[in-house]
Amino acid sequence: MGVYIKGMEMPKSCMLCPLCVEEADPANGEMCMVTGTLMPPCTRERLDDCPLVSVPSQGRLIDADALRAEVKKHATPSDAWVFSLIRTAPTIIEAEEGET
């Protein structure tokens, strides 16, 4: 399962990320508290394996699968276009493995 941190801006680099902390020995750089990766001092970009995902600030996230199941209970054959709209709606955050 993922975590959303309300109000947190996407950091431009690991060095500016509040989820990175200095090691006891500053010469070793910082450690990402999410991945456990040790980053060299002055890392000026986000690492390729950074798990943070930018989430749009407007709109709301819904469970499209739950919506599709609820609509299915009440839909008629002429409502097929509704399922197309749900299926083609933009995905903000991909489902994690094991989720549908």
C-alpha atoms as a PDB file:
ATOM      1  CA  MET A   1       0.000   0.000   0.000  1.00  0.00           C
ATOM      2  CA  GLY A   2       1.213   3.533  -0.708  1.00  0.00           C
ATOM      3  CA  VAL A   3       1.251   6.643   1.444  1.00  0.00           C
ATOM      4  CA  TYR A   4       0.176  10.182   0.561  1.00  0.00           C
ATOM      5  CA  ILE A   5       1.753  13.010   2.539  1.00  0.00           C
ATOM      6  CA  LYS A   6      -0.681  15.910   2.392  1.00  0.00           C
ATOM      7  CA  GLY A   7       0.979  19.229   1.652  1.00  0.00           C
ATOM      8  CA  MET A   8       4.369  17.775   0.725  1.00  0.00           C
ATOM      9  CA  GLU A   9       5.826  19.207  -2.474  1.00  0.00           C
ATOM     10  CA  MET A  10       7.758  16.956  -4.853  1.00  0.00           C
ATOM     11  CA  PRO A  11      11.433  17.576  -4.021  1.00  0.00           C
ATOM     12  CA  LYS A  12      13.648  18.601  -6.940  1.00  0.00           C
ATOM     13  CA  SER A  13      16.524  16.520  -5.583  1.00  0.00           C
ATOM     14  CA  CYS A  14      17.230  13.945  -2.897  1.00  0.00           C
ATOM     15  CA  MET A  15      19.287  16.572  -1.095  1.00  0.00           C
ATOM     16  CA  LEU A  16      16.133  18.716  -0.677  1.00  0.00           C
ATOM     17  CA  CYS A  17      13.847  15.822   0.280  1.00  0.00           C
ATOM     18  CA  PRO A  18      12.541  15.795   3.871  1.00  0.00           C
ATOM     19  CA  LEU A  19      12.613  11.989   3.723  1.00  0.00           C
ATOM     20  CA  CYS A  20      16.409  11.958   3.448  1.00  0.00           C
ATOM     21  CA  VAL A  21      18.484  12.219   6.601  1.00  0.00           C
ATOM     22  CA  GLU A  22      22.169  12.763   7.251  1.00  0.00           C
ATOM     23  CA  GLU A  23      24.115   9.720   8.267  1.00  0.00           C
ATOM     24  CA  ALA A  24      26.098   9.836  11.516  1.00  0.00           C
ATOM     25  CA  ASP A  25      29.171  10.440   9.339  1.00  0.00           C
ATOM     26  CA  PRO A  26      28.331  13.403   7.012  1.00  0.00           C
ATOM     27  CA  ALA A  27      31.103  12.344   4.605  1.00  0.00           C
ATOM     28  CA  ASN A  28      28.922   9.353   3.643  1.00  0.00           C
ATOM     29  CA  GLY A  29      26.074  11.542   2.385  1.00  0.00           C
ATOM     30  CA  GLU A  30      22.394  11.159   3.178  1.00  0.00           C
ATOM     31  CA  MET A  31      20.162   8.121   3.474  1.00  0.00           C
ATOM     32  CA  CYS A  32      16.709   7.900   1.923  1.00  0.00           C
ATOM     33  CA  MET A  33      14.344   6.777   4.689  1.00  0.00           C
ATOM     34  CA  VAL A  34      12.032   5.255   2.051  1.00  0.00           C
ATOM     35  CA  THR A  35      14.452   3.112   0.021  1.00  0.00           C
ATOM     36  CA  GLY A  36      17.404   2.856   2.396  1.00  0.00           C
ATOM     37  CA  THR A  37      19.676   4.092  -0.407  1.00  0.00           C
ATOM     38  CA  LEU A  38      22.814   5.904   0.688  1.00  0.00           C
ATOM     39  CA  MET A  39      23.360   8.940  -1.524  1.00  0.00           C
ATOM     40  CA  PRO A  40      26.697  10.645  -2.040  1.00  0.00           C
ATOM     41  CA  PRO A  41      26.998  14.155  -0.607  1.00  0.00           C
ATOM     42  CA  CYS A  42      25.456  16.936  -2.727  1.00  0.00           C
ATOM     43  CA  THR A  43      23.194  14.703  -4.836  1.00  0.00           C
ATOM     44  CA  ARG A  44      21.568  17.358  -7.015  1.00  0.00           C
ATOM     45  CA  GLU A  45      18.875  15.241  -8.657  1.00  0.00           C
ATOM     46  CA  ARG A  46      16.338  12.593  -7.740  1.00  0.00           C
ATOM     47  CA  LEU A  47      17.606   9.043  -8.007  1.00  0.00           C
ATOM     48  CA  ASP A  48      16.147   6.817 -10.739  1.00  0.00           C
ATOM     49  CA  ASP A  49      14.618   4.456  -8.157  1.00  0.00           C
ATOM     50  CA  CYS A  50      12.851   7.249  -6.239  1.00  0.00           C
ATOM     51  CA  PRO A  51       9.398   5.880  -5.307  1.00  0.00           C
ATOM     52  CA  LEU A  52       7.787   9.326  -4.865  1.00  0.00           C
ATOM     53  CA  VAL A  53       4.972  10.057  -7.320  1.00  0.00           C
ATOM     54  CA  SER A  54       3.683  13.537  -8.039  1.00  0.00           C
ATOM     55  CA  VAL A  55      -0.067  13.853  -7.396  1.00  0.00           C
ATOM     56  CA  PRO A  56      -2.050  16.704  -9.004  1.00  0.00           C
ATOM     57  CA  SER A  57      -3.232  19.326  -6.542  1.00  0.00           C
ATOM     58  CA  GLN A  58      -6.727  19.684  -7.963  1.00  0.00           C
ATOM     59  CA  GLY A  59      -9.479  17.193  -8.425  1.00  0.00           C
ATOM     60  CA  ARG A  60     -10.029  14.126  -6.341  1.00  0.00           C
ATOM     61  CA  LEU A  61      -8.886  10.568  -6.578  1.00  0.00           C
ATOM     62  CA  ILE A  62     -11.563   7.907  -6.781  1.00  0.00           C
ATOM     63  CA  ASP A  63     -11.520   4.134  -6.932  1.00  0.00           C
ATOM     64  CA  ALA A  64     -12.477   3.537 -10.573  1.00  0.00           C
ATOM     65  CA  ASP A  65     -12.911  -0.201  -9.987  1.00  0.00           C
ATOM     66  CA  ALA A  66     -15.427   0.428  -7.179  1.00  0.00           C
ATOM     67  CA  LEU A  67     -17.258   2.970  -9.370  1.00  0.00           C
ATOM     68  CA  ARG A  68     -17.400   0.492 -12.261  1.00  0.00           C
ATOM     69  CA  ALA A  69     -18.822  -2.210  -9.936  1.00  0.00           C
ATOM     70  CA  GLU A  70     -21.492   0.177  -8.592  1.00  0.00           C
ATOM     71  CA  VAL A  71     -22.477   1.397 -12.071  1.00  0.00           C
ATOM     72  CA  LYS A  72     -22.685  -2.215 -13.268  1.00  0.00           C
ATOM     73  CA  LYS A  73     -25.419  -2.888 -10.693  1.00  0.00           C
ATOM     74  CA  HIS A  74     -27.665  -0.254 -12.278  1.00  0.00           C
ATOM     75  CA  ALA A  75     -26.549  -0.124 -15.923  1.00  0.00           C
ATOM     76  CA  THR A  76     -28.503  -1.145 -18.975  1.00  0.00           C
ATOM     77  CA  PRO A  77     -26.981  -2.266 -22.308  1.00  0.00           C
ATOM     78  CA  SER A  78     -27.339   1.292 -23.621  1.00  0.00           C
ATOM     79  CA  ASP A  79     -25.036   2.506 -20.824  1.00  0.00           C
ATOM     80  CA  ALA A  80     -21.906   0.924 -22.344  1.00  0.00           C
ATOM     81  CA  TRP A  81     -20.473   4.393 -23.006  1.00  0.00           C
ATOM     82  CA  VAL A  82     -20.248   4.962 -19.245  1.00  0.00           C
ATOM     83  CA  PHE A  83     -17.895   1.999 -18.859  1.00  0.00           C
ATOM     84  CA  SER A  84     -15.782   3.376 -21.711  1.00  0.00           C
ATOM     85  CA  LEU A  85     -15.494   6.700 -19.877  1.00  0.00           C
ATOM     86  CA  ILE A  86     -14.412   4.964 -16.678  1.00  0.00           C
ATOM     87  CA  ARG A  87     -11.905   2.742 -18.528  1.00  0.00           C
ATOM     88  CA  THR A  88     -10.309   5.670 -20.396  1.00  0.00           C
ATOM     89  CA  ALA A  89     -10.240   8.145 -17.477  1.00  0.00           C
ATOM     90  CA  PRO A  90      -6.708   9.325 -16.665  1.00  0.00           C
ATOM     91  CA  THR A  91      -4.794   7.260 -14.122  1.00  0.00           C
ATOM     92  CA  ILE A  92      -3.189   9.376 -11.408  1.00  0.00           C
ATOM     93  CA  ILE A  93      -1.600   6.564  -9.387  1.00  0.00           C
ATOM     94  CA  GLU A  94      -1.186   3.062 -10.818  1.00  0.00           C
ATOM     95  CA  ALA A  95      -2.625   0.162  -8.837  1.00  0.00           C
ATOM     96  CA  GLU A  96      -0.023  -1.723  -6.827  1.00  0.00           C
ATOM     97  CA  GLU A  97       0.706  -5.381  -7.455  1.00  0.00           C
ATOM     98  CA  GLY A  98      -2.116  -7.536  -6.158  1.00  0.00           C
ATOM     99  CA  GLU A  99      -4.690  -4.746  -6.482  1.00  0.00           C
ATOM    100  CA  THR A 100      -7.149  -4.551  -9.346  1.00  0.00           C
END
